[in-house]
């Protein structure tokens, strides 16, 4: 489970940002995780308490937003969800598409008290 290492890295980055910006208390941390990302959101959420233990984020809430894995068909220009349609355009049944999003892993927001 690589999510624990990722969450330790997120905590370190958020702490560095907070120190540089004079933030002493953080209420909520919001992450965006693409549904095609290698990070599994529920595992990230489970690992979060271990990653924040003993840090300035120990009492923060974690919110995770799931970003869809959308594609655009190169034949008919239809936008569709890769997982829902298994990589096949529902408009023309083409497998020739470009990925628009869904592999992201972002720290979206740090909400200070």
PDB file of N, CA and C in Angstrom:
ATOM      1  N   UNK A   1       0.855  -1.175   0.000  1.00  0.00           N
ATOM      2  CA  UNK A   1       0.000   0.000   0.000  1.00  0.00           C
ATOM      3  C   UNK A   1       0.900   1.237   0.000  1.00  0.00           C
ATOM      4  N   UNK A   2       1.040   1.855  -1.150  1.00  0.00           N
ATOM      5  CA  UNK A   2       1.896   3.034  -1.274  1.00  0.00           C
ATOM      6  C   UNK A   2       1.205   4.315  -0.808  1.00  0.00           C
ATOM      7  N   UNK A   3      -0.065   4.240  -0.530  1.00  0.00           N
ATOM      8  CA  UNK A   3      -0.801   5.426  -0.078  1.00  0.00           C
ATOM      9  C   UNK A   3      -0.243   6.006   1.218  1.00  0.00           C
ATOM     10  N   UNK A   4       0.268   5.166   2.107  1.00  0.00           N
ATOM     11  CA  UNK A   4       0.816   5.676   3.364  1.00  0.00           C
ATOM     12  C   UNK A   4       2.005   6.591   3.088  1.00  0.00           C
ATOM     13  N   UNK A   5       2.912   6.167   2.234  1.00  0.00           N
ATOM     14  CA  UNK A   5       4.057   7.000   1.877  1.00  0.00           C
ATOM     15  C   UNK A   5       3.625   8.297   1.212  1.00  0.00           C
ATOM     16  N   UNK A   6       2.620   8.201   0.368  1.00  0.00           N
ATOM     17  CA  UNK A   6       2.102   9.395  -0.307  1.00  0.00           C
ATOM     18  C   UNK A   6       1.512  10.353   0.714  1.00  0.00           C
ATOM     19  N   UNK A   7       0.758   9.826   1.667  1.00  0.00           N
ATOM     20  CA  UNK A   7       0.141  10.689   2.673  1.00  0.00           C
ATOM     21  C   UNK A   7       1.193  11.327   3.582  1.00  0.00           C
ATOM     22  N   UNK A   8       2.273  10.601   3.900  1.00  0.00           N
ATOM     23  CA  UNK A   8       3.373  11.209   4.668  1.00  0.00           C
ATOM     24  C   UNK A   8       3.962  12.387   3.889  1.00  0.00           C
ATOM     25  N   UNK A   9       4.114  12.219   2.589  1.00  0.00           N
ATOM     26  CA  UNK A   9       4.649  13.282   1.742  1.00  0.00           C
ATOM     27  C   UNK A   9       3.696  14.478   1.671  1.00  0.00           C
ATOM     28  N   UNK A  10       2.405  14.227   1.586  1.00  0.00           N
ATOM     29  CA  UNK A  10       1.408  15.302   1.587  1.00  0.00           C
ATOM     30  C   UNK A  10       1.512  16.093   2.887  1.00  0.00           C
ATOM     31  N   UNK A  11       1.576  15.390   4.011  1.00  0.00           N
ATOM     32  CA  UNK A  11       1.665  16.051   5.321  1.00  0.00           C
ATOM     33  C   UNK A  11       2.907  16.928   5.378  1.00  0.00           C
ATOM     34  N   UNK A  12       4.024  16.408   4.931  1.00  0.00           N
ATOM     35  CA  UNK A  12       5.277  17.172   4.926  1.00  0.00           C
ATOM     36  C   UNK A  12       5.146  18.436   4.072  1.00  0.00           C
ATOM     37  N   UNK A  13       4.562  18.307   2.893  1.00  0.00           N
ATOM     38  CA  UNK A  13       4.378  19.467   2.017  1.00  0.00           C
ATOM     39  C   UNK A  13       3.433  20.504   2.622  1.00  0.00           C
ATOM     40  N   UNK A  14       2.365  20.041   3.225  1.00  0.00           N
ATOM     41  CA  UNK A  14       1.406  20.965   3.845  1.00  0.00           C
ATOM     42  C   UNK A  14       2.047  21.664   5.042  1.00  0.00           C
ATOM     43  N   UNK A  15       2.790  20.933   5.846  1.00  0.00           N
ATOM     44  CA  UNK A  15       3.478  21.554   6.985  1.00  0.00           C
ATOM     45  C   UNK A  15       4.476  22.610   6.512  1.00  0.00           C
ATOM     46  N   UNK A  16       5.238  22.303   5.484  1.00  0.00           N
ATOM     47  CA  UNK A  16       6.188  23.283   4.942  1.00  0.00           C
ATOM     48  C   UNK A  16       5.470  24.533   4.440  1.00  0.00           C
ATOM     49  N   UNK A  17       4.355  24.333   3.735  1.00  0.00           N
ATOM     50  CA  UNK A  17       3.568  25.466   3.239  1.00  0.00           C
ATOM     51  C   UNK A  17       3.048  26.305   4.411  1.00  0.00           C
ATOM     52  N   UNK A  18       2.529  25.624   5.432  1.00  0.00           N
ATOM     53  CA  UNK A  18       1.968  26.329   6.593  1.00  0.00           C
ATOM     54  C   UNK A  18       3.042  27.154   7.289  1.00  0.00           C
ATOM     55  N   UNK A  19       4.215  26.572   7.497  1.00  0.00           N
ATOM     56  CA  UNK A  19       5.302  27.294   8.168  1.00  0.00           C
ATOM     57  C   UNK A  19       5.736  28.518   7.372  1.00  0.00           C
ATOM     58  N   UNK A  20       5.859  28.364   6.069  1.00  0.00           N
ATOM     59  CA  UNK A  20       6.272  29.484   5.211  1.00  0.00           C
ATOM     60  C   UNK A  20       5.246  30.611   5.192  1.00  0.00           C
ATOM     61  N   UNK A  21       3.982  30.269   5.448  1.00  0.00           N
ATOM     62  CA  UNK A  21       2.915  31.255   5.372  1.00  0.00           C
ATOM     63  C   UNK A  21       2.334  31.647   6.722  1.00  0.00           C
ATOM     64  N   UNK A  22       3.004  31.260   7.795  1.00  0.00           N
ATOM     65  CA  UNK A  22       2.571  31.663   9.127  1.00  0.00           C
ATOM     66  C   UNK A  22       1.276  31.031   9.588  1.00  0.00           C
ATOM     67  N   UNK A  23       0.923  29.892   9.049  1.00  0.00           N
ATOM     68  CA  UNK A  23      -0.302  29.196   9.452  1.00  0.00           C
ATOM     69  C   UNK A  23       0.051  28.245  10.592  1.00  0.00           C
ATOM     70  N   UNK A  24      -0.676  28.358  11.687  1.00  0.00           N
ATOM     71  CA  UNK A  24      -0.377  27.509  12.842  1.00  0.00           C
ATOM     72  C   UNK A  24      -1.426  26.434  13.090  1.00  0.00           C
ATOM     73  N   UNK A  25      -2.649  26.661  12.635  1.00  0.00           N
ATOM     74  CA  UNK A  25      -3.723  25.675  12.839  1.00  0.00           C
ATOM     75  C   UNK A  25      -4.454  25.472  11.512  1.00  0.00           C
ATOM     76  N   UNK A  26      -4.572  24.218  11.132  1.00  0.00           N
ATOM     77  CA  UNK A  26      -5.292  23.861   9.901  1.00  0.00           C
ATOM     78  C   UNK A  26      -6.528  23.073  10.287  1.00  0.00           C
ATOM     79  N   UNK A  27      -7.669  23.494   9.768  1.00  0.00           N
ATOM     80  CA  UNK A  27      -8.931  22.822  10.070  1.00  0.00           C
ATOM     81  C   UNK A  27      -9.177  21.649   9.120  1.00  0.00           C
ATOM     82  N   UNK A  28      -9.007  21.904   7.815  1.00  0.00           N
ATOM     83  CA  UNK A  28      -9.361  20.903   6.805  1.00  0.00           C
ATOM     84  C   UNK A  28      -8.336  20.884   5.686  1.00  0.00           C
ATOM     85  N   UNK A  29      -8.038  19.699   5.217  1.00  0.00           N
ATOM     86  CA  UNK A  29      -7.186  19.507   4.049  1.00  0.00           C
ATOM     87  C   UNK A  29      -8.038  18.851   2.974  1.00  0.00           C
ATOM     88  N   UNK A  30      -8.056  19.454   1.788  1.00  0.00           N
ATOM     89  CA  UNK A  30      -8.856  18.928   0.683  1.00  0.00           C
ATOM     90  C   UNK A  30      -7.917  18.415  -0.403  1.00  0.00           C
ATOM     91  N   UNK A  31      -8.072  17.139  -0.735  1.00  0.00           N
ATOM     92  CA  UNK A  31      -7.298  16.530  -1.806  1.00  0.00           C
ATOM     93  C   UNK A  31      -8.210  16.213  -2.982  1.00  0.00           C
ATOM     94  N   UNK A  32      -7.647  16.295  -4.180  1.00  0.00           N
ATOM     95  CA  UNK A  32      -8.343  15.847  -5.382  1.00  0.00           C
ATOM     96  C   UNK A  32      -7.595  14.625  -5.898  1.00  0.00           C
ATOM     97  N   UNK A  33      -8.339  13.550  -6.096  1.00  0.00           N
ATOM     98  CA  UNK A  33      -7.732  12.317  -6.589  1.00  0.00           C
ATOM     99  C   UNK A  33      -8.518  11.854  -7.809  1.00  0.00           C
ATOM    100  N   UNK A  34      -7.821  11.705  -8.919  1.00  0.00           N
ATOM    101  CA  UNK A  34      -8.457  11.230 -10.143  1.00  0.00           C
ATOM    102  C   UNK A  34      -8.807   9.756 -10.035  1.00  0.00           C
ATOM    103  N   UNK A  35      -9.928   9.390 -10.628  1.00  0.00           N
ATOM    104  CA  UNK A  35     -10.361   7.995 -10.523  1.00  0.00           C
ATOM    105  C   UNK A  35      -9.468   7.041 -11.321  1.00  0.00           C
ATOM    106  N   UNK A  36      -8.578   7.574 -12.141  1.00  0.00           N
ATOM    107  CA  UNK A  36      -7.612   6.747 -12.863  1.00  0.00           C
ATOM    108  C   UNK A  36      -6.211   6.862 -12.263  1.00  0.00           C
ATOM    109  N   UNK A  37      -6.113   7.579 -11.153  1.00  0.00           N
ATOM    110  CA  UNK A  37      -4.843   7.751 -10.459  1.00  0.00           C
ATOM    111  C   UNK A  37      -4.418   6.428  -9.830  1.00  0.00           C
ATOM    112  N   UNK A  38      -3.142   6.312  -9.524  1.00  0.00           N
ATOM    113  CA  UNK A  38      -2.664   5.100  -8.843  1.00  0.00           C
ATOM    114  C   UNK A  38      -2.960   5.152  -7.344  1.00  0.00           C
ATOM    115  N   UNK A  39      -3.509   6.258  -6.873  1.00  0.00           N
ATOM    116  CA  UNK A  39      -3.856   6.403  -5.455  1.00  0.00           C
ATOM    117  C   UNK A  39      -5.324   6.020  -5.262  1.00  0.00           C
ATOM    118  N   UNK A  40      -5.558   5.098  -4.361  1.00  0.00           N
ATOM    119  CA  UNK A  40      -6.931   4.666  -4.071  1.00  0.00           C
ATOM    120  C   UNK A  40      -7.463   5.529  -2.927  1.00  0.00           C
ATOM    121  N   UNK A  41      -8.506   6.321  -3.206  1.00  0.00           N
ATOM    122  CA  UNK A  41      -9.006   7.276  -2.204  1.00  0.00           C
ATOM    123  C   UNK A  41      -9.319   6.673  -0.835  1.00  0.00           C
ATOM    124  N   UNK A  42      -9.964   5.536  -0.795  1.00  0.00           N
ATOM    125  CA  UNK A  42     -10.323   4.973   0.526  1.00  0.00           C
ATOM    126  C   UNK A  42      -9.081   4.549   1.296  1.00  0.00           C
ATOM    127  N   UNK A  43      -8.026   4.111   0.607  1.00  0.00           N
ATOM    128  CA  UNK A  43      -6.780   3.764   1.281  1.00  0.00           C
ATOM    129  C   UNK A  43      -6.083   5.021   1.791  1.00  0.00           C
ATOM    130  N   UNK A  44      -6.134   6.095   0.994  1.00  0.00           N
ATOM    131  CA  UNK A  44      -5.545   7.360   1.425  1.00  0.00           C
ATOM    132  C   UNK A  44      -6.228   7.839   2.702  1.00  0.00           C
ATOM    133  N   UNK A  45      -7.549   7.708   2.732  1.00  0.00           N
ATOM    134  CA  UNK A  45      -8.319   8.143   3.907  1.00  0.00           C
ATOM    135  C   UNK A  45      -7.970   7.297   5.138  1.00  0.00           C
ATOM    136  N   UNK A  46      -7.794   5.994   4.954  1.00  0.00           N
ATOM    137  CA  UNK A  46      -7.452   5.098   6.053  1.00  0.00           C
ATOM    138  C   UNK A  46      -6.045   5.398   6.577  1.00  0.00           C
ATOM    139  N   UNK A  47      -5.123   5.748   5.672  1.00  0.00           N
ATOM    140  CA  UNK A  47      -3.734   6.030   6.059  1.00  0.00           C
ATOM    141  C   UNK A  47      -3.553   7.403   6.699  1.00  0.00           C
ATOM    142  N   UNK A  48      -4.487   8.297   6.471  1.00  0.00           N
ATOM    143  CA  UNK A  48      -4.352   9.683   6.921  1.00  0.00           C
ATOM    144  C   UNK A  48      -4.074   9.808   8.422  1.00  0.00           C
ATOM    145  N   UNK A  49      -4.827   9.141   9.297  1.00  0.00           N
ATOM    146  CA  UNK A  49      -4.555   9.291  10.736  1.00  0.00           C
ATOM    147  C   UNK A  49      -3.119   8.914  11.123  1.00  0.00           C
ATOM    148  N   UNK A  50      -2.563   7.872  10.513  1.00  0.00           N
ATOM    149  CA  UNK A  50      -1.186   7.479  10.820  1.00  0.00           C
ATOM    150  C   UNK A  50      -0.198   8.526  10.302  1.00  0.00           C
ATOM    151  N   UNK A  51      -0.492   9.106   9.160  1.00  0.00           N
ATOM    152  CA  UNK A  51       0.412  10.095   8.566  1.00  0.00           C
ATOM    153  C   UNK A  51       0.432  11.409   9.337  1.00  0.00           C
ATOM    154  N   UNK A  52      -0.671  11.784   9.956  1.00  0.00           N
ATOM    155  CA  UNK A  52      -0.736  13.073  10.658  1.00  0.00           C
ATOM    156  C   UNK A  52      -0.423  12.969  12.150  1.00  0.00           C
ATOM    157  N   UNK A  53      -0.318  11.765  12.658  1.00  0.00           N
ATOM    158  CA  UNK A  53      -0.066  11.588  14.091  1.00  0.00           C
ATOM    159  C   UNK A  53       1.220  12.307  14.508  1.00  0.00           C
ATOM    160  N   UNK A  54       1.097  13.172  15.526  1.00  0.00           N
ATOM    161  CA  UNK A  54       2.244  13.902  16.049  1.00  0.00           C
ATOM    162  C   UNK A  54       2.666  15.104  15.210  1.00  0.00           C
ATOM    163  N   UNK A  55       1.851  15.476  14.235  1.00  0.00           N
ATOM    164  CA  UNK A  55       2.165  16.628  13.382  1.00  0.00           C
ATOM    165  C   UNK A  55       1.155  17.739  13.645  1.00  0.00           C
ATOM    166  N   UNK A  56       1.384  18.895  13.021  1.00  0.00           N
ATOM    167  CA  UNK A  56       0.435  19.998  13.172  1.00  0.00           C
ATOM    168  C   UNK A  56      -0.906  19.703  12.496  1.00  0.00           C
ATOM    169  N   UNK A  57      -0.974  18.639  11.705  1.00  0.00           N
ATOM    170  CA  UNK A  57      -2.222  18.269  11.032  1.00  0.00           C
ATOM    171  C   UNK A  57      -3.013  17.220  11.802  1.00  0.00           C
ATOM    172  N   UNK A  58      -2.536  16.880  12.990  1.00  0.00           N
ATOM    173  CA  UNK A  58      -3.132  15.781  13.751  1.00  0.00           C
ATOM    174  C   UNK A  58      -4.641  15.922  13.943  1.00  0.00           C
ATOM    175  N   UNK A  59      -5.132  17.122  14.111  1.00  0.00           N
ATOM    176  CA  UNK A  59      -6.567  17.312  14.359  1.00  0.00           C
ATOM    177  C   UNK A  59      -7.326  17.840  13.144  1.00  0.00           C
ATOM    178  N   UNK A  60      -6.733  17.733  11.983  1.00  0.00           N
ATOM    179  CA  UNK A  60      -7.407  18.233  10.780  1.00  0.00           C
ATOM    180  C   UNK A  60      -8.364  17.195  10.219  1.00  0.00           C
ATOM    181  N   UNK A  61      -9.347  17.708   9.483  1.00  0.00           N
ATOM    182  CA  UNK A  61     -10.262  16.845   8.747  1.00  0.00           C
ATOM    183  C   UNK A  61      -9.699  16.669   7.335  1.00  0.00           C
ATOM    184  N   UNK A  62      -9.898  15.506   6.773  1.00  0.00           N
ATOM    185  CA  UNK A  62      -9.492  15.237   5.405  1.00  0.00           C
ATOM    186  C   UNK A  62     -10.729  15.099   4.541  1.00  0.00           C
ATOM    187  N   UNK A  63     -10.754  15.863   3.449  1.00  0.00           N
ATOM    188  CA  UNK A  63     -11.813  15.723   2.453  1.00  0.00           C
ATOM    189  C   UNK A  63     -11.159  15.310   1.148  1.00  0.00           C
ATOM    190  N   UNK A  64     -11.797  14.373   0.467  1.00  0.00           N
ATOM    191  CA  UNK A  64     -11.275  13.904  -0.811  1.00  0.00           C
ATOM    192  C   UNK A  64     -12.336  14.095  -1.882  1.00  0.00           C
ATOM    193  N   UNK A  65     -11.945  14.763  -2.955  1.00  0.00           N
ATOM    194  CA  UNK A  65     -12.808  14.929  -4.122  1.00  0.00           C
ATOM    195  C   UNK A  65     -12.299  13.991  -5.209  1.00  0.00           C
ATOM    196  N   UNK A  66     -13.196  13.208  -5.782  1.00  0.00           N
ATOM    197  CA  UNK A  66     -12.829  12.285  -6.849  1.00  0.00           C
ATOM    198  C   UNK A  66     -13.047  12.986  -8.190  1.00  0.00           C
ATOM    199  N   UNK A  67     -11.993  13.032  -9.005  1.00  0.00           N
ATOM    200  CA  UNK A  67     -12.082  13.645 -10.329  1.00  0.00           C
ATOM    201  C   UNK A  67     -12.313  12.552 -11.365  1.00  0.00           C
ATOM    202  N   UNK A  68     -13.272  12.758 -12.267  1.00  0.00           N
ATOM    203  CA  UNK A  68     -13.605  11.715 -13.241  1.00  0.00           C
ATOM    204  C   UNK A  68     -12.511  11.505 -14.280  1.00  0.00           C
ATOM    205  N   UNK A  69     -12.418  10.266 -14.735  1.00  0.00           N
ATOM    206  CA  UNK A  69     -11.489   9.912 -15.815  1.00  0.00           C
ATOM    207  C   UNK A  69     -12.195  10.056 -17.146  1.00  0.00           C
ATOM    208  N   UNK A  70     -12.231  11.271 -17.650  1.00  0.00           N
ATOM    209  CA  UNK A  70     -12.949  11.544 -18.899  1.00  0.00           C
ATOM    210  C   UNK A  70     -12.028  11.564 -20.104  1.00  0.00           C
ATOM    211  N   UNK A  71     -12.577  11.136 -21.219  1.00  0.00           N
ATOM    212  CA  UNK A  71     -11.863  11.102 -22.499  1.00  0.00           C
ATOM    213  C   UNK A  71     -12.668  11.890 -23.523  1.00  0.00           C
ATOM    214  N   UNK A  72     -11.999  12.273 -24.602  1.00  0.00           N
ATOM    215  CA  UNK A  72     -12.692  12.845 -25.746  1.00  0.00           C
ATOM    216  C   UNK A  72     -12.353  11.974 -26.956  1.00  0.00           C
ATOM    217  N   UNK A  73     -13.378  11.592 -27.667  1.00  0.00           N
ATOM    218  CA  UNK A  73     -13.214  10.728 -28.830  1.00  0.00           C
ATOM    219  C   UNK A  73     -12.587  11.520 -29.976  1.00  0.00           C
ATOM    220  N   UNK A  74     -11.567  10.961 -30.587  1.00  0.00           N
ATOM    221  CA  UNK A  74     -10.917  11.623 -31.722  1.00  0.00           C
ATOM    222  C   UNK A  74     -11.735  11.519 -33.001  1.00  0.00           C
ATOM    223  N   UNK A  75     -12.757  10.645 -33.029  1.00  0.00           N
ATOM    224  CA  UNK A  75     -13.590  10.498 -34.222  1.00  0.00           C
ATOM    225  C   UNK A  75     -14.837  11.373 -34.198  1.00  0.00           C
ATOM    226  N   UNK A  76     -15.572  11.330 -33.061  1.00  0.00           N
ATOM    227  CA  UNK A  76     -16.853  12.062 -33.013  1.00  0.00           C
ATOM    228  C   UNK A  76     -16.871  13.194 -32.000  1.00  0.00           C
ATOM    229  N   UNK A  77     -15.773  13.405 -31.283  1.00  0.00           N
ATOM    230  CA  UNK A  77     -15.615  14.486 -30.299  1.00  0.00           C
ATOM    231  C   UNK A  77     -16.503  14.364 -29.065  1.00  0.00           C
ATOM    232  N   UNK A  78     -17.069  13.215 -28.846  1.00  0.00           N
ATOM    233  CA  UNK A  78     -17.885  13.021 -27.645  1.00  0.00           C
ATOM    234  C   UNK A  78     -16.984  12.856 -26.422  1.00  0.00           C
ATOM    235  N   UNK A  79     -17.381  13.475 -25.322  1.00  0.00           N
ATOM    236  CA  UNK A  79     -16.677  13.320 -24.054  1.00  0.00           C
ATOM    237  C   UNK A  79     -17.384  12.208 -23.279  1.00  0.00           C
ATOM    238  N   UNK A  80     -16.585  11.262 -22.770  1.00  0.00           N
ATOM    239  CA  UNK A  80     -17.172  10.147 -22.037  1.00  0.00           C
ATOM    240  C   UNK A  80     -16.241   9.710 -20.912  1.00  0.00           C
ATOM    241  N   UNK A  81     -16.821   8.978 -19.943  1.00  0.00           N
ATOM    242  CA  UNK A  81     -16.059   8.479 -18.812  1.00  0.00           C
ATOM    243  C   UNK A  81     -15.399   7.154 -19.198  1.00  0.00           C
ATOM    244  N   UNK A  82     -14.085   7.121 -19.050  1.00  0.00           N
ATOM    245  CA  UNK A  82     -13.310   5.944 -19.440  1.00  0.00           C
ATOM    246  C   UNK A  82     -13.776   4.674 -18.719  1.00  0.00           C
ATOM    247  N   UNK A  83     -13.943   4.744 -17.423  1.00  0.00           N
ATOM    248  CA  UNK A  83     -14.331   3.557 -16.655  1.00  0.00           C
ATOM    249  C   UNK A  83     -15.749   3.100 -16.984  1.00  0.00           C
ATOM    250  N   UNK A  84     -16.647   4.048 -17.087  1.00  0.00           N
ATOM    251  CA  UNK A  84     -18.042   3.711 -17.351  1.00  0.00           C
ATOM    252  C   UNK A  84     -18.208   2.997 -18.690  1.00  0.00           C
ATOM    253  N   UNK A  85     -17.453   3.443 -19.684  1.00  0.00           N
ATOM    254  CA  UNK A  85     -17.605   2.875 -21.032  1.00  0.00           C
ATOM    255  C   UNK A  85     -16.425   1.987 -21.440  1.00  0.00           C
ATOM    256  N   UNK A  86     -15.562   1.665 -20.469  1.00  0.00           N
ATOM    257  CA  UNK A  86     -14.441   0.737 -20.681  1.00  0.00           C
ATOM    258  C   UNK A  86     -13.555   1.135 -21.861  1.00  0.00           C
ATOM    259  N   UNK A  87     -13.348   2.437 -22.037  1.00  0.00           N
ATOM    260  CA  UNK A  87     -12.451   2.935 -23.069  1.00  0.00           C
ATOM    261  C   UNK A  87     -12.998   2.883 -24.478  1.00  0.00           C
ATOM    262  N   UNK A  88     -14.304   2.664 -24.605  1.00  0.00           N
ATOM    263  CA  UNK A  88     -14.933   2.618 -25.930  1.00  0.00           C
ATOM    264  C   UNK A  88     -15.967   3.735 -26.010  1.00  0.00           C
ATOM    265  N   UNK A  89     -15.825   4.587 -27.013  1.00  0.00           N
ATOM    266  CA  UNK A  89     -16.739   5.723 -27.154  1.00  0.00           C
ATOM    267  C   UNK A  89     -18.180   5.236 -27.312  1.00  0.00           C
ATOM    268  N   UNK A  90     -19.088   5.737 -26.468  1.00  0.00           N
ATOM    269  CA  UNK A  90     -20.487   5.324 -26.576  1.00  0.00           C
ATOM    270  C   UNK A  90     -21.186   5.930 -27.797  1.00  0.00           C
ATOM    271  N   UNK A  91     -20.558   6.936 -28.405  1.00  0.00           N
ATOM    272  CA  UNK A  91     -21.168   7.566 -29.573  1.00  0.00           C
ATOM    273  C   UNK A  91     -20.891   6.822 -30.866  1.00  0.00           C
ATOM    274  N   UNK A  92     -19.606   6.418 -31.047  1.00  0.00           N
ATOM    275  CA  UNK A  92     -19.232   5.795 -32.329  1.00  0.00           C
ATOM    276  C   UNK A  92     -18.476   4.486 -32.166  1.00  0.00           C
ATOM    277  N   UNK A  93     -18.309   4.033 -30.921  1.00  0.00           N
ATOM    278  CA  UNK A  93     -17.628   2.793 -30.577  1.00  0.00           C
ATOM    279  C   UNK A  93     -16.139   2.778 -30.939  1.00  0.00           C
ATOM    280  N   UNK A  94     -15.566   3.947 -31.076  1.00  0.00           N
ATOM    281  CA  UNK A  94     -14.141   4.063 -31.372  1.00  0.00           C
ATOM    282  C   UNK A  94     -13.319   3.868 -30.103  1.00  0.00           C
ATOM    283  N   UNK A  95     -12.120   3.363 -30.278  1.00  0.00           N
ATOM    284  CA  UNK A  95     -11.160   3.277 -29.177  1.00  0.00           C
ATOM    285  C   UNK A  95     -10.038   4.289 -29.369  1.00  0.00           C
ATOM    286  N   UNK A  96     -10.269   5.270 -30.229  1.00  0.00           N
ATOM    287  CA  UNK A  96      -9.298   6.332 -30.513  1.00  0.00           C
ATOM    288  C   UNK A  96      -9.746   7.582 -29.778  1.00  0.00           C
ATOM    289  N   UNK A  97      -9.129   7.844 -28.625  1.00  0.00           N
ATOM    290  CA  UNK A  97      -9.540   8.960 -27.771  1.00  0.00           C
ATOM    291  C   UNK A  97      -8.323   9.546 -27.084  1.00  0.00           C
ATOM    292  N   UNK A  98      -8.530  10.715 -26.497  1.00  0.00           N
ATOM    293  CA  UNK A  98      -7.505  11.386 -25.689  1.00  0.00           C
ATOM    294  C   UNK A  98      -8.048  11.514 -24.276  1.00  0.00           C
ATOM    295  N   UNK A  99      -7.192  11.269 -23.307  1.00  0.00           N
ATOM    296  CA  UNK A  99      -7.589  11.403 -21.912  1.00  0.00           C
ATOM    297  C   UNK A  99      -7.612  12.878 -21.532  1.00  0.00           C
ATOM    298  N   UNK A 100      -8.724  13.323 -20.976  1.00  0.00           N
ATOM    299  CA  UNK A 100      -8.863  14.720 -20.541  1.00  0.00           C
ATOM    300  C   UNK A 100      -8.476  14.902 -19.073  1.00  0.00           C
ATOM    301  N   UNK A 101      -8.692  13.905 -18.272  1.00  0.00           N
ATOM    302  CA  UNK A 101      -8.389  14.010 -16.847  1.00  0.00           C
ATOM    303  C   UNK A 101      -8.717  12.722 -16.136  1.00  0.00           C
ATOM    304  N   UNK A 102      -8.264  12.659 -14.901  1.00  0.00           N
ATOM    305  CA  UNK A 102      -8.568  11.491 -14.093  1.00  0.00           C
ATOM    306  C   UNK A 102      -7.344  10.862 -13.458  1.00  0.00           C
ATOM    307  N   UNK A 103      -6.150  11.355 -13.818  1.00  0.00           N
ATOM    308  CA  UNK A 103      -4.927  10.832 -13.217  1.00  0.00           C
ATOM    309  C   UNK A 103      -4.348  11.783 -12.169  1.00  0.00           C
ATOM    310  N   UNK A 104      -5.073  12.826 -11.864  1.00  0.00           N
ATOM    311  CA  UNK A 104      -4.568  13.862 -10.963  1.00  0.00           C
ATOM    312  C   UNK A 104      -4.470  13.384  -9.520  1.00  0.00           C
ATOM    313  N   UNK A 105      -3.562  14.020  -8.820  1.00  0.00           N
ATOM    314  CA  UNK A 105      -3.484  13.928  -7.360  1.00  0.00           C
ATOM    315  C   UNK A 105      -3.017  15.301  -6.906  1.00  0.00           C
ATOM    316  N   UNK A 106      -3.935  16.088  -6.373  1.00  0.00           N
ATOM    317  CA  UNK A 106      -3.654  17.479  -6.027  1.00  0.00           C
ATOM    318  C   UNK A 106      -4.026  17.789  -4.586  1.00  0.00           C
ATOM    319  N   UNK A 107      -3.228  18.662  -3.983  1.00  0.00           N
ATOM    320  CA  UNK A 107      -3.657  19.297  -2.742  1.00  0.00           C
ATOM    321  C   UNK A 107      -4.463  20.498  -3.210  1.00  0.00           C
ATOM    322  N   UNK A 108      -5.768  20.411  -3.093  1.00  0.00           N
ATOM    323  CA  UNK A 108      -6.638  21.465  -3.620  1.00  0.00           C
ATOM    324  C   UNK A 108      -6.724  22.660  -2.674  1.00  0.00           C
ATOM    325  N   UNK A 109      -6.867  22.359  -1.384  1.00  0.00           N
ATOM    326  CA  UNK A 109      -7.163  23.444  -0.453  1.00  0.00           C
ATOM    327  C   UNK A 109      -6.653  23.099   0.939  1.00  0.00           C
ATOM    328  N   UNK A 110      -6.114  24.112   1.593  1.00  0.00           N
ATOM    329  CA  UNK A 110      -5.714  24.012   2.990  1.00  0.00           C
ATOM    330  C   UNK A 110      -6.529  25.079   3.715  1.00  0.00           C
ATOM    331  N   UNK A 111      -7.458  24.635   4.541  1.00  0.00           N
ATOM    332  CA  UNK A 111      -8.355  25.561   5.218  1.00  0.00           C
ATOM    333  C   UNK A 111      -7.845  25.790   6.628  1.00  0.00           C
ATOM    334  N   UNK A 112      -7.376  26.992   6.871  1.00  0.00           N
ATOM    335  CA  UNK A 112      -6.824  27.349   8.173  1.00  0.00           C
ATOM    336  C   UNK A 112      -7.940  27.863   9.088  1.00  0.00           C
ATOM    337  N   UNK A 113      -7.702  27.755  10.384  1.00  0.00           N
ATOM    338  CA  UNK A 113      -8.654  28.286  11.375  1.00  0.00           C
ATOM    339  C   UNK A 113      -8.436  29.770  11.582  1.00  0.00           C
TER     340      UNK A 113
END
